[in-house]
PDB file of N, CA and C in Angstrom:
ATOM      1  N   MET A   1     127.170 -11.334  61.415  1.00  0.00           N
ATOM      2  CA  MET A   1     128.339 -10.695  62.004  1.00  0.00           C
ATOM      3  C   MET A   1     127.966 -10.168  63.388  1.00  0.00           C
ATOM      4  N   LYS A   2     128.956 -10.150  64.272  1.00  0.00           N
ATOM      5  CA  LYS A   2     128.751  -9.698  65.644  1.00  0.00           C
ATOM      6  C   LYS A   2     129.713  -8.553  65.946  1.00  0.00           C
ATOM      7  N   TRP A   3     129.319  -7.734  66.911  1.00  0.00           N
ATOM      8  CA  TRP A   3     130.149  -6.615  67.345  1.00  0.00           C
ATOM      9  C   TRP A   3     130.898  -6.999  68.615  1.00  0.00           C
ATOM     10  N   PHE A   4     132.135  -6.493  68.715  1.00  0.00           N
ATOM     11  CA  PHE A   4     132.977  -6.752  69.880  1.00  0.00           C
ATOM     12  C   PHE A   4     133.664  -5.459  70.306  1.00  0.00           C
ATOM     13  N   VAL A   5     133.895  -5.344  71.609  1.00  0.00           N
ATOM     14  CA  VAL A   5     134.750  -4.285  72.145  1.00  0.00           C
ATOM     15  C   VAL A   5     136.092  -4.938  72.452  1.00  0.00           C
ATOM     16  N   VAL A   6     137.151  -4.328  71.960  1.00  0.00           N
ATOM     17  CA  VAL A   6     138.500  -4.838  72.159  1.00  0.00           C
ATOM     18  C   VAL A   6     139.257  -3.836  73.026  1.00  0.00           C
ATOM     19  N   ARG A   7     139.936  -4.343  74.069  1.00  0.00           N
ATOM     20  CA  ARG A   7     140.768  -3.465  74.907  1.00  0.00           C
ATOM     21  C   ARG A   7     142.228  -3.726  74.551  1.00  0.00           C
ATOM     22  N   TYR A   8     142.839  -2.702  73.951  1.00  0.00           N
ATOM     23  CA  TYR A   8     144.238  -2.751  73.546  1.00  0.00           C
ATOM     24  C   TYR A   8     145.094  -2.069  74.609  1.00  0.00           C
ATOM     25  N   ILE A   9     146.306  -2.580  74.818  1.00  0.00           N
ATOM     26  CA  ILE A   9     147.273  -1.950  75.714  1.00  0.00           C
ATOM     27  C   ILE A   9     148.521  -1.628  74.887  1.00  0.00           C
ATOM     28  N   TYR A  10     148.940  -0.369  74.973  1.00  0.00           N
ATOM     29  CA  TYR A  10     150.154   0.101  74.301  1.00  0.00           C
ATOM     30  C   TYR A  10     151.076   0.745  75.326  1.00  0.00           C
ATOM     31  N   GLN A  11     152.381   0.630  75.105  1.00  0.00           N
ATOM     32  CA  GLN A  11     153.347   1.415  75.865  1.00  0.00           C
ATOM     33  C   GLN A  11     153.845   2.510  74.940  1.00  0.00           C
ATOM     34  N   ILE A  12     153.827   3.742  75.450  1.00  0.00           N
ATOM     35  CA  ILE A  12     154.268   4.893  74.666  1.00  0.00           C
ATOM     36  C   ILE A  12     155.699   5.206  75.074  1.00  0.00           C
ATOM     37  N   ILE A  13     156.604   5.173  74.113  1.00  0.00           N
ATOM     38  CA  ILE A  13     158.012   5.448  74.391  1.00  0.00           C
ATOM     39  C   ILE A  13     158.444   6.628  73.538  1.00  0.00           C
ATOM     40  N   THR A  14     158.933   7.653  74.214  1.00  0.00           N
ATOM     41  CA  THR A  14     159.411   8.861  73.549  1.00  0.00           C
ATOM     42  C   THR A  14     160.930   8.893  73.629  1.00  0.00           C
ATOM     43  N   GLY A  15     161.569   9.131  72.498  1.00  0.00           N
ATOM     44  CA  GLY A  15     163.025   9.192  72.454  1.00  0.00           C
ATOM     45  C   GLY A  15     163.639   7.879  72.910  1.00  0.00           C
ATOM     46  N   GLU A  16     164.576   7.988  73.865  1.00  0.00           N
ATOM     47  CA  GLU A  16     165.244   6.803  74.399  1.00  0.00           C
ATOM     48  C   GLU A  16     164.450   6.147  75.521  1.00  0.00           C
ATOM     49  N   GLY A  17     163.301   6.731  75.858  1.00  0.00           N
ATOM     50  CA  GLY A  17     162.460   6.142  76.894  1.00  0.00           C
ATOM     51  C   GLY A  17     162.855   6.522  78.303  1.00  0.00           C
ATOM     52  N   ASP A  18     163.687   7.568  78.441  1.00  0.00           N
ATOM     53  CA  ASP A  18     164.116   7.995  79.783  1.00  0.00           C
ATOM     54  C   ASP A  18     163.093   8.958  80.384  1.00  0.00           C
ATOM     55  N   HIS A  19     161.889   8.458  80.551  1.00  0.00           N
ATOM     56  CA  HIS A  19     160.785   9.233  81.126  1.00  0.00           C
ATOM     57  C   HIS A  19     159.912   8.275  81.921  1.00  0.00           C
ATOM     58  N   SER A  20     158.960   8.816  82.654  1.00  0.00           N
ATOM     59  CA  SER A  20     158.031   7.956  83.393  1.00  0.00           C
ATOM     60  C   SER A  20     157.319   7.030  82.415  1.00  0.00           C
ATOM     61  N   PRO A  21     157.197   5.761  82.765  1.00  0.00           N
ATOM     62  CA  PRO A  21     156.507   4.833  81.866  1.00  0.00           C
ATOM     63  C   PRO A  21     155.085   5.304  81.572  1.00  0.00           C
ATOM     64  N   GLN A  22     154.705   5.226  80.311  1.00  0.00           N
ATOM     65  CA  GLN A  22     153.361   5.610  79.884  1.00  0.00           C
ATOM     66  C   GLN A  22     152.716   4.432  79.166  1.00  0.00           C
ATOM     67  N   PHE A  23     151.484   4.147  79.575  1.00  0.00           N
ATOM     68  CA  PHE A  23     150.708   3.094  78.933  1.00  0.00           C
ATOM     69  C   PHE A  23     149.365   3.668  78.530  1.00  0.00           C
ATOM     70  N   ASP A  24     148.865   3.230  77.398  1.00  0.00           N
ATOM     71  CA  ASP A  24     147.571   3.691  76.902  1.00  0.00           C
ATOM     72  C   ASP A  24     146.656   2.487  76.752  1.00  0.00           C
ATOM     73  N   GLU A  25     145.474   2.572  77.378  1.00  0.00           N
ATOM     74  CA  GLU A  25     144.430   1.562  77.217  1.00  0.00           C
ATOM     75  C   GLU A  25     143.413   2.124  76.252  1.00  0.00           C
ATOM     76  N   GLN A  26     143.076   1.370  75.235  1.00  0.00           N
ATOM     77  CA  GLN A  26     142.106   1.835  74.250  1.00  0.00           C
ATOM     78  C   GLN A  26     140.992   0.817  74.103  1.00  0.00           C
ATOM     79  N   LEU A  27     139.769   1.315  74.051  1.00  0.00           N
ATOM     80  CA  LEU A  27     138.615   0.472  73.746  1.00  0.00           C
ATOM     81  C   LEU A  27     138.204   0.791  72.321  1.00  0.00           C
ATOM     82  N   ARG A  28     138.179  -0.238  71.480  1.00  0.00           N
ATOM     83  CA  ARG A  28     137.823  -0.061  70.079  1.00  0.00           C
ATOM     84  C   ARG A  28     136.764  -1.083  69.695  1.00  0.00           C
ATOM     85  N   LEU A  29     135.943  -0.699  68.740  1.00  0.00           N
ATOM     86  CA  LEU A  29     134.916  -1.601  68.224  1.00  0.00           C
ATOM     87  C   LEU A  29     135.450  -2.364  67.024  1.00  0.00           C
ATOM     88  N   THR A  30     135.055  -3.625  66.930  1.00  0.00           N
ATOM     89  CA  THR A  30     135.366  -4.413  65.743  1.00  0.00           C
ATOM     90  C   THR A  30     134.185  -5.333  65.458  1.00  0.00           C
ATOM     91  N   ILE A  31     134.091  -5.745  64.224  1.00  0.00           N
ATOM     92  CA  ILE A  31     132.999  -6.630  63.812  1.00  0.00           C
ATOM     93  C   ILE A  31     133.619  -7.907  63.256  1.00  0.00           C
ATOM     94  N   ALA A  32     133.050  -9.054  63.673  1.00  0.00           N
ATOM     95  CA  ALA A  32     133.568 -10.353  63.242  1.00  0.00           C
ATOM     96  C   ALA A  32     132.468 -11.396  63.407  1.00  0.00           C
ATOM     97  N   THR A  33     132.718 -12.589  62.888  1.00  0.00           N
ATOM     98  CA  THR A  33     131.696 -13.638  62.991  1.00  0.00           C
ATOM     99  C   THR A  33     131.695 -14.319  64.354  1.00  0.00           C
ATOM    100  N   ASN A  34     132.868 -14.339  65.043  1.00  0.00           N
ATOM    101  CA  ASN A  34     132.943 -14.971  66.362  1.00  0.00           C
ATOM    102  C   ASN A  34     134.138 -14.413  67.133  1.00  0.00           C
ATOM    103  N   CYS A  35     134.298 -14.863  68.376  1.00  0.00           N
ATOM    104  CA  CYS A  35     135.374 -14.348  69.236  1.00  0.00           C
ATOM    105  C   CYS A  35     136.762 -14.634  68.668  1.00  0.00           C
ATOM    106  N   ASP A  36     136.959 -15.839  68.144  1.00  0.00           N
ATOM    107  CA  ASP A  36     138.275 -16.183  67.596  1.00  0.00           C
ATOM    108  C   ASP A  36     138.653 -15.261  66.444  1.00  0.00           C
ATOM    109  N   GLU A  37     137.704 -15.024  65.550  1.00  0.00           N
ATOM    110  CA  GLU A  37     137.964 -14.130  64.421  1.00  0.00           C
ATOM    111  C   GLU A  37     138.194 -12.703  64.910  1.00  0.00           C
ATOM    112  N   ALA A  38     137.420 -12.274  65.902  1.00  0.00           N
ATOM    113  CA  ALA A  38     137.573 -10.916  66.436  1.00  0.00           C
ATOM    114  C   ALA A  38     138.954 -10.727  67.054  1.00  0.00           C
ATOM    115  N   LEU A  39     139.421 -11.723  67.806  1.00  0.00           N
ATOM    116  CA  LEU A  39     140.743 -11.626  68.423  1.00  0.00           C
ATOM    117  C   LEU A  39     141.837 -11.609  67.367  1.00  0.00           C
ATOM    118  N   ALA A  40     141.747 -12.488  66.391  1.00  0.00           N
ATOM    119  CA  ALA A  40     142.751 -12.513  65.319  1.00  0.00           C
ATOM    120  C   ALA A  40     142.771 -11.185  64.568  1.00  0.00           C
ATOM    121  N   LYS A  41     141.600 -10.658  64.274  1.00  0.00           N
ATOM    122  CA  LYS A  41     141.495  -9.376  63.571  1.00  0.00           C
ATOM    123  C   LYS A  41     142.086  -8.252  64.418  1.00  0.00           C
ATOM    124  N   ALA A  42     141.765  -8.248  65.707  1.00  0.00           N
ATOM    125  CA  ALA A  42     142.266  -7.209  66.611  1.00  0.00           C
ATOM    126  C   ALA A  42     143.790  -7.227  66.667  1.00  0.00           C
ATOM    127  N   GLU A  43     144.361  -8.410  66.762  1.00  0.00           N
ATOM    128  CA  GLU A  43     145.821  -8.508  66.828  1.00  0.00           C
ATOM    129  C   GLU A  43     146.469  -8.091  65.514  1.00  0.00           C
ATOM    130  N   ARG A  44     145.847  -8.413  64.378  1.00  0.00           N
ATOM    131  CA  ARG A  44     146.381  -7.980  63.073  1.00  0.00           C
ATOM    132  C   ARG A  44     146.362  -6.461  62.948  1.00  0.00           C
ATOM    133  N   GLN A  45     145.298  -5.827  63.432  1.00  0.00           N
ATOM    134  CA  GLN A  45     145.131  -4.382  63.274  1.00  0.00           C
ATOM    135  C   GLN A  45     145.932  -3.561  64.283  1.00  0.00           C
ATOM    136  N   ALA A  46     146.341  -4.173  65.375  1.00  0.00           N
ATOM    137  CA  ALA A  46     146.932  -3.435  66.497  1.00  0.00           C
ATOM    138  C   ALA A  46     148.129  -2.577  66.104  1.00  0.00           C
ATOM    139  N   GLU A  47     148.973  -3.086  65.245  1.00  0.00           N
ATOM    140  CA  GLU A  47     150.184  -2.356  64.857  1.00  0.00           C
ATOM    141  C   GLU A  47     149.878  -1.177  63.939  1.00  0.00           C
ATOM    142  N   ASP A  48     148.728  -1.194  63.291  1.00  0.00           N
ATOM    143  CA  ASP A  48     148.407  -0.156  62.309  1.00  0.00           C
ATOM    144  C   ASP A  48     147.763   1.090  62.906  1.00  0.00           C
ATOM    145  N   PHE A  49     147.339   1.028  64.163  1.00  0.00           N
ATOM    146  CA  PHE A  49     146.630   2.169  64.741  1.00  0.00           C
ATOM    147  C   PHE A  49     147.546   3.350  65.047  1.00  0.00           C
ATOM    148  N   HIS A  50     148.802   3.086  65.373  1.00  0.00           N
ATOM    149  CA  HIS A  50     149.705   4.171  65.780  1.00  0.00           C
ATOM    150  C   HIS A  50     151.043   4.033  65.073  1.00  0.00           C
ATOM    151  N   ARG A  51     151.273   4.892  64.133  1.00  0.00           N
ATOM    152  CA  ARG A  51     152.554   4.927  63.435  1.00  0.00           C
ATOM    153  C   ARG A  51     153.519   5.811  64.223  1.00  0.00           C
ATOM    154  N   PRO A  52     154.823   5.474  64.235  1.00  0.00           N
ATOM    155  CA  PRO A  52     155.803   6.338  64.902  1.00  0.00           C
ATOM    156  C   PRO A  52     155.787   7.732  64.277  1.00  0.00           C
ATOM    157  N   PHE A  53     156.053   8.740  65.110  1.00  0.00           N
ATOM    158  CA  PHE A  53     156.109  10.119  64.625  1.00  0.00           C
ATOM    159  C   PHE A  53     157.088  10.903  65.484  1.00  0.00           C
ATOM    160  N   ARG A  54     157.472  12.076  64.997  1.00  0.00           N
ATOM    161  CA  ARG A  54     158.339  12.969  65.780  1.00  0.00           C
ATOM    162  C   ARG A  54     157.466  14.012  66.461  1.00  0.00           C
ATOM    163  N   ASN A  55     157.704  14.196  67.765  1.00  0.00           N
ATOM    164  CA  ASN A  55     156.941  15.209  68.494  1.00  0.00           C
ATOM    165  C   ASN A  55     157.527  16.588  68.232  1.00  0.00           C
ATOM    166  N   CYS A  56     156.990  17.597  68.901  1.00  0.00           N
ATOM    167  CA  CYS A  56     157.414  18.980  68.651  1.00  0.00           C
ATOM    168  C   CYS A  56     158.869  19.227  69.048  1.00  0.00           C
ATOM    169  N   ASN A  57     159.464  18.340  69.860  1.00  0.00           N
ATOM    170  CA  ASN A  57     160.874  18.460  70.235  1.00  0.00           C
ATOM    171  C   ASN A  57     161.787  17.664  69.307  1.00  0.00           C
ATOM    172  N   GLY A  58     161.195  17.012  68.322  1.00  0.00           N
ATOM    173  CA  GLY A  58     161.979  16.214  67.391  1.00  0.00           C
ATOM    174  C   GLY A  58     162.252  14.798  67.866  1.00  0.00           C
ATOM    175  N   ASP A  59     161.702  14.422  69.032  1.00  0.00           N
ATOM    176  CA  ASP A  59     161.899  13.070  69.551  1.00  0.00           C
ATOM    177  C   ASP A  59     160.939  12.100  68.869  1.00  0.00           C
ATOM    178  N   MET A  60     161.433  10.909  68.580  1.00  0.00           N
ATOM    179  CA  MET A  60     160.589   9.875  67.997  1.00  0.00           C
ATOM    180  C   MET A  60     159.654   9.341  69.080  1.00  0.00           C
ATOM    181  N   VAL A  61     158.376   9.220  68.738  1.00  0.00           N
ATOM    182  CA  VAL A  61     157.372   8.672  69.648  1.00  0.00           C
ATOM    183  C   VAL A  61     156.871   7.364  69.050  1.00  0.00           C
ATOM    184  N   ASN A  62     157.003   6.293  69.823  1.00  0.00           N
ATOM    185  CA  ASN A  62     156.565   4.965  69.387  1.00  0.00           C
ATOM    186  C   ASN A  62     155.480   4.443  70.314  1.00  0.00           C
ATOM    187  N   TRP A  63     154.464   3.857  69.737  1.00  0.00           N
ATOM    188  CA  TRP A  63     153.391   3.200  70.488  1.00  0.00           C
ATOM    189  C   TRP A  63     153.626   1.701  70.311  1.00  0.00           C
ATOM    190  N   ASN A  64     154.172   1.064  71.320  1.00  0.00           N
ATOM    191  CA  ASN A  64     154.461  -0.364  71.234  1.00  0.00           C
ATOM    192  C   ASN A  64     153.256  -1.163  71.711  1.00  0.00           C
ATOM    193  N   PHE A  65     152.738  -1.975  70.832  1.00  0.00           N
ATOM    194  CA  PHE A  65     151.596  -2.820  71.162  1.00  0.00           C
ATOM    195  C   PHE A  65     152.029  -3.863  72.183  1.00  0.00           C
ATOM    196  N   ILE A  66     151.307  -3.915  73.318  1.00  0.00           N
ATOM    197  CA  ILE A  66     151.593  -4.901  74.359  1.00  0.00           C
ATOM    198  C   ILE A  66     150.706  -6.132  74.165  1.00  0.00           C
ATOM    199  N   CYS A  67     149.394  -5.907  74.149  1.00  0.00           N
ATOM    200  CA  CYS A  67     148.487  -7.046  73.996  1.00  0.00           C
ATOM    201  C   CYS A  67     147.047  -6.578  73.816  1.00  0.00           C
ATOM    202  N   VAL A  68     146.215  -7.522  73.427  1.00  0.00           N
ATOM    203  CA  VAL A  68     144.770  -7.352  73.536  1.00  0.00           C
ATOM    204  C   VAL A  68     144.433  -7.901  74.915  1.00  0.00           C
ATOM    205  N   ALA A  69     143.963  -7.038  75.806  1.00  0.00           N
ATOM    206  CA  ALA A  69     143.736  -7.427  77.197  1.00  0.00           C
ATOM    207  C   ALA A  69     142.338  -7.978  77.438  1.00  0.00           C
ATOM    208  N   ASP A  70     141.371  -7.563  76.647  1.00  0.00           N
ATOM    209  CA  ASP A  70     139.993  -8.025  76.810  1.00  0.00           C
ATOM    210  C   ASP A  70     139.278  -7.993  75.474  1.00  0.00           C
ATOM    211  N   LEU A  71     138.255  -8.810  75.383  1.00  0.00           N
ATOM    212  CA  LEU A  71     137.416  -8.863  74.192  1.00  0.00           C
ATOM    213  C   LEU A  71     136.019  -9.228  74.658  1.00  0.00           C
ATOM    214  N   TYR A  72     135.051  -8.362  74.358  1.00  0.00           N
ATOM    215  CA  TYR A  72     133.674  -8.577  74.790  1.00  0.00           C
ATOM    216  C   TYR A  72     132.735  -8.498  73.600  1.00  0.00           C
ATOM    217  N   GLU A  73     131.834  -9.449  73.502  1.00  0.00           N
ATOM    218  CA  GLU A  73     130.778  -9.343  72.500  1.00  0.00           C
ATOM    219  C   GLU A  73     129.727  -8.381  73.029  1.00  0.00           C
ATOM    220  N   ILE A  74     129.248  -7.489  72.157  1.00  0.00           N
ATOM    221  CA  ILE A  74     128.224  -6.523  72.547  1.00  0.00           C
ATOM    222  C   ILE A  74     127.087  -6.556  71.534  1.00  0.00           C
ATOM    223  N   GLU A  75     125.989  -5.918  71.898  1.00  0.00           N
ATOM    224  CA  GLU A  75     124.873  -5.755  70.966  1.00  0.00           C
ATOM    225  C   GLU A  75     125.308  -4.818  69.843  1.00  0.00           C
ATOM    226  N   SER A  76     124.636  -4.878  68.719  1.00  0.00           N
ATOM    227  CA  SER A  76     124.937  -3.962  67.616  1.00  0.00           C
ATOM    228  C   SER A  76     124.830  -2.530  68.104  1.00  0.00           C
ATOM    229  N   PRO A  77     125.848  -1.710  67.823  1.00  0.00           N
ATOM    230  CA  PRO A  77     125.812  -0.326  68.290  1.00  0.00           C
ATOM    231  C   PRO A  77     124.642   0.443  67.681  1.00  0.00           C
ATOM    232  N   THR A  78     123.952   1.152  68.536  1.00  0.00           N
ATOM    233  CA  THR A  78     122.879   2.050  68.125  1.00  0.00           C
ATOM    234  C   THR A  78     123.073   3.344  68.892  1.00  0.00           C
ATOM    235  N   ASP A  79     122.300   4.340  68.568  1.00  0.00           N
ATOM    236  CA  ASP A  79     122.391   5.616  69.267  1.00  0.00           C
ATOM    237  C   ASP A  79     122.194   5.387  70.761  1.00  0.00           C
ATOM    238  N   GLY A  80     123.162   5.797  71.542  1.00  0.00           N
ATOM    239  CA  GLY A  80     123.082   5.658  72.991  1.00  0.00           C
ATOM    240  C   GLY A  80     123.570   4.325  73.527  1.00  0.00           C
ATOM    241  N   ALA A  81     124.092   3.467  72.665  1.00  0.00           N
ATOM    242  CA  ALA A  81     124.558   2.153  73.115  1.00  0.00           C
ATOM    243  C   ALA A  81     125.774   2.301  74.026  1.00  0.00           C
ATOM    244  N   GLU A  82     125.796   1.528  75.088  1.00  0.00           N
ATOM    245  CA  GLU A  82     126.938   1.532  76.004  1.00  0.00           C
ATOM    246  C   GLU A  82     128.087   0.773  75.366  1.00  0.00           C
ATOM    247  N   VAL A  83     129.264   1.382  75.350  1.00  0.00           N
ATOM    248  CA  VAL A  83     130.442   0.695  74.831  1.00  0.00           C
ATOM    249  C   VAL A  83     131.466   0.432  75.929  1.00  0.00           C
ATOM    250  N   ALA A  84     131.352   1.130  77.040  1.00  0.00           N
ATOM    251  CA  ALA A  84     132.265   0.899  78.153  1.00  0.00           C
ATOM    252  C   ALA A  84     131.606   1.381  79.434  1.00  0.00           C
ATOM    253  N   SER A  85     131.981   0.751  80.520  1.00  0.00           N
ATOM    254  CA  SER A  85     131.480   1.141  81.827  1.00  0.00           C
ATOM    255  C   SER A  85     132.587   0.894  82.838  1.00  0.00           C
ATOM    256  N   VAL A  86     132.777   1.828  83.750  1.00  0.00           N
ATOM    257  CA  VAL A  86     133.782   1.684  84.788  1.00  0.00           C
ATOM    258  C   VAL A  86     133.092   1.851  86.129  1.00  0.00           C
ATOM    259  N   LEU A  87     133.228   0.859  86.984  1.00  0.00           N
ATOM    260  CA  LEU A  87     132.645   0.907  88.316  1.00  0.00           C
ATOM    261  C   LEU A  87     133.674   1.501  89.264  1.00  0.00           C
ATOM    262  N   HIS A  88     133.279   2.513  90.012  1.00  0.00           N
ATOM    263  CA  HIS A  88     134.175   3.156  90.974  1.00  0.00           C
ATOM    264  C   HIS A  88     133.672   2.899  92.380  1.00  0.00           C
ATOM    265  N   GLU A  89     134.578   2.590  93.288  1.00  0.00           N
ATOM    266  CA  GLU A  89     134.284   2.491  94.713  1.00  0.00           C
ATOM    267  C   GLU A  89     135.310   3.356  95.440  1.00  0.00           C
ATOM    268  N   PRO A  90     135.161   4.684  95.327  1.00  0.00           N
ATOM    269  CA  PRO A  90     136.186   5.570  95.875  1.00  0.00           C
ATOM    270  C   PRO A  90     136.199   5.563  97.402  1.00  0.00           C
ATOM    271  N   GLU A  91     137.395   5.662  97.954  1.00  0.00           N
ATOM    272  CA  GLU A  91     137.509   5.806  99.405  1.00  0.00           C
ATOM    273  C   GLU A  91     137.060   7.196  99.819  1.00  0.00           C
ATOM    274  N   ASP A  92     137.343   8.180  98.970  1.00  0.00           N
ATOM    275  CA  ASP A  92     136.957   9.563  99.253  1.00  0.00           C
ATOM    276  C   ASP A  92     135.931   9.992  98.202  1.00  0.00           C
ATOM    277  N   VAL A  93     134.657   9.861  98.548  1.00  0.00           N
ATOM    278  CA  VAL A  93     133.574  10.165  97.611  1.00  0.00           C
ATOM    279  C   VAL A  93     133.608  11.625  97.190  1.00  0.00           C
ATOM    280  N   ASN A  94     133.855  12.532  98.131  1.00  0.00           N
ATOM    281  CA  ASN A  94     133.879  13.961  97.794  1.00  0.00           C
ATOM    282  C   ASN A  94     134.990  14.281  96.799  1.00  0.00           C
ATOM    283  N   ALA A  95     136.164  13.700  96.990  1.00  0.00           N
ATOM    284  CA  ALA A  95     137.270  13.934  96.054  1.00  0.00           C
ATOM    285  C   ALA A  95     136.921  13.375  94.676  1.00  0.00           C
ATOM    286  N   PHE A  96     136.282  12.209  94.653  1.00  0.00           N
ATOM    287  CA  PHE A  96     135.871  11.620  93.381  1.00  0.00           C
ATOM    288  C   PHE A  96     134.880  12.529  92.660  1.00  0.00           C
ATOM    289  N   LEU A  97     133.857  13.006  93.393  1.00  0.00           N
ATOM    290  CA  LEU A  97     132.848  13.876  92.775  1.00  0.00           C
ATOM    291  C   LEU A  97     133.450  15.210  92.351  1.00  0.00           C
ATOM    292  N   ASP A  98     134.409  15.727  93.122  1.00  0.00           N
ATOM    293  CA  ASP A  98     135.107  16.953  92.711  1.00  0.00           C
ATOM    294  C   ASP A  98     135.828  16.729  91.384  1.00  0.00           C
ATOM    295  N   HIS A  99     136.479  15.591  91.261  1.00  0.00           N
ATOM    296  CA  HIS A  99     137.196  15.261  90.029  1.00  0.00           C
ATOM    297  C   HIS A  99     136.221  15.156  88.851  1.00  0.00           C
ATOM    298  N   VAL A 100     135.094  14.493  89.063  1.00  0.00           N
ATOM    299  CA  VAL A 100     134.074  14.363  88.015  1.00  0.00           C
ATOM    300  C   VAL A 100     133.542  15.733  87.622  1.00  0.00           C
ATOM    301  N   ASN A 101     133.284  16.579  88.605  1.00  0.00           N
ATOM    302  CA  ASN A 101     132.762  17.918  88.318  1.00  0.00           C
ATOM    303  C   ASN A 101     133.780  18.787  87.591  1.00  0.00           C
ATOM    304  N   GLN A 102     135.075  18.576  87.849  1.00  0.00           N
ATOM    305  CA  GLN A 102     136.103  19.295  87.090  1.00  0.00           C
ATOM    306  C   GLN A 102     136.011  18.922  85.614  1.00  0.00           C
ATOM    307  N   HIS A 103     135.818  17.645  85.344  1.00  0.00           N
ATOM    308  CA  HIS A 103     135.660  17.205  83.954  1.00  0.00           C
ATOM    309  C   HIS A 103     134.389  17.792  83.342  1.00  0.00           C
ATOM    310  N   LYS A 104     133.311  17.802  84.115  1.00  0.00           N
ATOM    311  CA  LYS A 104     132.044  18.356  83.622  1.00  0.00           C
ATOM    312  C   LYS A 104     132.217  19.833  83.288  1.00  0.00           C
ATOM    313  N   THR A 105     132.879  20.577  84.176  1.00  0.00           N
ATOM    314  CA  THR A 105     133.096  22.009  83.957  1.00  0.00           C
ATOM    315  C   THR A 105     133.930  22.238  82.702  1.00  0.00           C
ATOM    316  N   TYR A 106     134.983  21.441  82.536  1.00  0.00           N
ATOM    317  CA  TYR A 106     135.815  21.567  81.341  1.00  0.00           C
ATOM    318  C   TYR A 106     134.992  21.302  80.087  1.00  0.00           C
ATOM    319  N   LEU A 107     134.182  20.253  80.115  1.00  0.00           N
ATOM    320  CA  LEU A 107     133.354  19.919  78.958  1.00  0.00           C
ATOM    321  C   LEU A 107     132.355  21.030  78.661  1.00  0.00           C
ATOM    322  N   GLN A 108     131.770  21.600  79.702  1.00  0.00           N
ATOM    323  CA  GLN A 108     130.806  22.687  79.502  1.00  0.00           C
ATOM    324  C   GLN A 108     131.481  23.925  78.921  1.00  0.00           C
ATOM    325  N   GLN A 109     132.730  24.173  79.306  1.00  0.00           N
ATOM    326  CA  GLN A 109     133.463  25.309  78.745  1.00  0.00           C
ATOM    327  C   GLN A 109     133.829  25.045  77.291  1.00  0.00           C
ATOM    328  N   LEU A 110     134.152  23.805  76.999  1.00  0.00           N
ATOM    329  CA  LEU A 110     134.542  23.436  75.643  1.00  0.00           C
ATOM    330  C   LEU A 110     133.338  23.400  74.709  1.00  0.00           C
ATOM    331  N   LEU A 111     132.251  22.800  75.161  1.00  0.00           N
ATOM    332  CA  LEU A 111     131.029  22.650  74.373  1.00  0.00           C
ATOM    333  C   LEU A 111     129.843  23.030  75.246  1.00  0.00           C
ATOM    334  N   PRO A 112     129.516  24.304  75.334  1.00  0.00           N
ATOM    335  CA  PRO A 112     128.418  24.710  76.223  1.00  0.00           C
ATOM    336  C   PRO A 112     127.125  23.963  75.893  1.00  0.00           C
ATOM    337  N   PHE A 113     126.526  23.401  76.936  1.00  0.00           N
ATOM    338  CA  PHE A 113     125.259  22.696  76.772  1.00  0.00           C
ATOM    339  C   PHE A 113     124.147  23.690  76.511  1.00  0.00           C
ATOM    340  N   SER A 114     123.171  23.274  75.710  1.00  0.00           N
ATOM    341  CA  SER A 114     122.040  24.159  75.429  1.00  0.00           C
ATOM    342  C   SER A 114     121.086  24.213  76.612  1.00  0.00           C
ATOM    343  N   THR A 115     121.207  23.258  77.522  1.00  0.00           N
ATOM    344  CA  THR A 115     120.360  23.253  78.722  1.00  0.00           C
ATOM    345  C   THR A 115     121.262  23.188  79.956  1.00  0.00           C
ATOM    346  N   PRO A 116     121.850  24.316  80.345  1.00  0.00           N
ATOM    347  CA  PRO A 116     122.810  24.313  81.450  1.00  0.00           C
ATOM    348  C   PRO A 116     122.193  23.948  82.794  1.00  0.00           C
ATOM    349  N   SER A 117     120.862  23.897  82.877  1.00  0.00           N
ATOM    350  CA  SER A 117     120.237  23.563  84.153  1.00  0.00           C
ATOM    351  C   SER A 117     120.314  22.072  84.469  1.00  0.00           C
ATOM    352  N   ILE A 118     120.723  21.246  83.499  1.00  0.00           N
ATOM    353  CA  ILE A 118     120.843  19.812  83.748  1.00  0.00           C
ATOM    354  C   ILE A 118     122.002  19.578  84.702  1.00  0.00           C
ATOM    355  N   LYS A 119     121.748  18.842  85.764  1.00  0.00           N
ATOM    356  CA  LYS A 119     122.799  18.518  86.723  1.00  0.00           C
ATOM    357  C   LYS A 119     123.228  17.078  86.500  1.00  0.00           C
ATOM    358  N   LEU A 120     124.530  16.884  86.293  1.00  0.00           N
ATOM    359  CA  LEU A 120     125.041  15.533  86.096  1.00  0.00           C
ATOM    360  C   LEU A 120     125.211  14.809  87.420  1.00  0.00           C
ATOM    361  N   PHE A 121     125.548  15.556  88.478  1.00  0.00           N
ATOM    362  CA  PHE A 121     125.690  14.981  89.823  1.00  0.00           C
ATOM    363  C   PHE A 121     125.147  15.954  90.828  1.00  0.00           C
TER     364      PHE A 121
END
C-alpha cells in the first residue's frame, strides 16, 4: 500500500448563498495501492467529510464538493514527515514576515512553547 496526499476543493454555501463566495482547500492523507485507486477512493469519500448543519443563526451550511484538484504519492508518514509545502515569493517581504510573526505570536499565546528563546524567523 502507498500513501497519497489528496487536495480537495469545496465551496461553502450558507443559507441562500448571498454572501462572498467561500472555498475551502483541504489536504488529506489516504492510503491505496496506486494512483487510480487513490483517486477513486478520494472521490468516494469527498461527500462524507462535511455534512450539512445549521450555524448559530439557524442558516443551513453546505460544503459542496467541487473536485479533487491534486493527488501526490508520498513516503509513509513518520514523525516529522512533510505533508504539504507552500513556496512564497512575496513582493513585500516585510509584510509577509509580519504576517508570519502574527501567526507565531498567536500560536505562542495559545500553546506557550517550553523554550521561548527559539526564533522561528
